[in-house]
Amino acid sequence: MNYEFVVRQSKDGQYYFTYRNSRGNTEPICWSENYTTKQACLDAIDKVKYGAGKAPITDLT
């Protein structure tokens, strides 16, 4: 499957990203908080890319 991060700018000028399948259903799988700069948003994407594969799953159900 093909997935992508999409950076957007909100009406108030802040930046956020979504992570989605780039084909077929393009509804976001997840989205970020708002960032005041585009660079901060891009840095957050890098942190997610780095840490997600190593993160444990904590099930609190």
C-alpha atoms as a PDB file:
ATOM      1  CA  MET A   1       0.000   0.000   0.000  1.00  0.00           C
ATOM      2  CA  ASN A   2       1.040   3.567  -0.548  1.00  0.00           C
ATOM      3  CA  TYR A   3       0.805   5.958   2.355  1.00  0.00           C
ATOM      4  CA  GLU A   4       1.706   9.619   2.604  1.00  0.00           C
ATOM      5  CA  PHE A   5       1.972  12.506   5.008  1.00  0.00           C
ATOM      6  CA  VAL A   6       0.042  15.575   3.854  1.00  0.00           C
ATOM      7  CA  VAL A   7       0.933  18.994   5.301  1.00  0.00           C
ATOM      8  CA  ARG A   8      -1.864  21.549   5.403  1.00  0.00           C
ATOM      9  CA  GLN A   9      -2.362  25.050   6.713  1.00  0.00           C
ATOM     10  CA  SER A  10      -5.422  25.878   8.805  1.00  0.00           C
ATOM     11  CA  LYS A  11      -7.494  29.050   8.474  1.00  0.00           C
ATOM     12  CA  ASP A  12      -5.624  30.640  11.391  1.00  0.00           C
ATOM     13  CA  GLY A  13      -2.255  30.101   9.650  1.00  0.00           C
ATOM     14  CA  GLN A  14      -1.042  27.142  11.687  1.00  0.00           C
ATOM     15  CA  TYR A  15       0.246  23.922  10.161  1.00  0.00           C
ATOM     16  CA  TYR A  16      -0.781  20.308  10.716  1.00  0.00           C
ATOM     17  CA  PHE A  17      -0.312  16.986   8.985  1.00  0.00           C
ATOM     18  CA  THR A  18      -2.435  13.989   8.184  1.00  0.00           C
ATOM     19  CA  TYR A  19      -1.297  10.465   7.385  1.00  0.00           C
ATOM     20  CA  ARG A  20      -3.377   8.650   4.806  1.00  0.00           C
ATOM     21  CA  ASN A  21      -3.532   6.023   2.101  1.00  0.00           C
ATOM     22  CA  SER A  22      -2.656   7.806  -1.123  1.00  0.00           C
ATOM     23  CA  ARG A  23      -4.868   5.505  -3.213  1.00  0.00           C
ATOM     24  CA  GLY A  24      -8.493   4.576  -2.847  1.00  0.00           C
ATOM     25  CA  ASN A  25      -9.868   5.683   0.510  1.00  0.00           C
ATOM     26  CA  THR A  26      -7.929   8.857   1.268  1.00  0.00           C
ATOM     27  CA  GLU A  27      -9.560   9.566   4.633  1.00  0.00           C
ATOM     28  CA  PRO A  28      -6.846  10.329   7.202  1.00  0.00           C
ATOM     29  CA  ILE A  29      -5.628   7.471   9.365  1.00  0.00           C
ATOM     30  CA  CYS A  30      -4.370  10.002  11.888  1.00  0.00           C
ATOM     31  CA  TRP A  31      -3.641  13.704  12.165  1.00  0.00           C
ATOM     32  CA  SER A  32      -1.432  15.942  14.236  1.00  0.00           C
ATOM     33  CA  GLU A  33      -1.887  18.850  16.539  1.00  0.00           C
ATOM     34  CA  ASN A  34      -1.381  22.364  15.136  1.00  0.00           C
ATOM     35  CA  TYR A  35       2.110  23.847  14.832  1.00  0.00           C
ATOM     36  CA  THR A  36       2.951  27.528  14.557  1.00  0.00           C
ATOM     37  CA  THR A  37       5.620  26.967  11.881  1.00  0.00           C
ATOM     38  CA  LYS A  38       5.853  24.690   8.901  1.00  0.00           C
ATOM     39  CA  GLN A  39       9.294  23.540  10.047  1.00  0.00           C
ATOM     40  CA  ALA A  40       7.893  22.419  13.406  1.00  0.00           C
ATOM     41  CA  CYS A  41       5.256  20.397  11.522  1.00  0.00           C
ATOM     42  CA  LEU A  42       7.914  18.781   9.312  1.00  0.00           C
ATOM     43  CA  ASP A  43      10.036  18.002  12.398  1.00  0.00           C
ATOM     44  CA  ALA A  44       7.039  16.265  13.977  1.00  0.00           C
ATOM     45  CA  ILE A  45       6.620  14.114  10.863  1.00  0.00           C
ATOM     46  CA  ASP A  46      10.272  13.064  11.131  1.00  0.00           C
ATOM     47  CA  LYS A  47       9.757  12.109  14.780  1.00  0.00           C
ATOM     48  CA  VAL A  48       6.716   9.997  13.890  1.00  0.00           C
ATOM     49  CA  LYS A  49       8.617   8.290  11.072  1.00  0.00           C
ATOM     50  CA  TYR A  50      11.511   7.503  13.392  1.00  0.00           C
ATOM     51  CA  GLY A  51       9.572   6.385  16.443  1.00  0.00           C
ATOM     52  CA  ALA A  52       6.468   4.669  15.121  1.00  0.00           C
ATOM     53  CA  GLY A  53       8.136   1.455  14.052  1.00  0.00           C
ATOM     54  CA  LYS A  54       9.747   1.011  17.454  1.00  0.00           C
ATOM     55  CA  ALA A  55       6.819   2.042  19.657  1.00  0.00           C
ATOM     56  CA  PRO A  56       5.207  -0.632  21.818  1.00  0.00           C
ATOM     57  CA  ILE A  57       1.445  -1.072  21.871  1.00  0.00           C
ATOM     58  CA  THR A  58      -0.140  -0.419  25.276  1.00  0.00           C
ATOM     59  CA  ASP A  59      -3.636  -1.892  25.452  1.00  0.00           C
ATOM     60  CA  LEU A  60      -5.681  -0.345  28.274  1.00  0.00           C
ATOM     61  CA  THR A  61      -8.955  -2.126  27.525  1.00  0.00           C
END
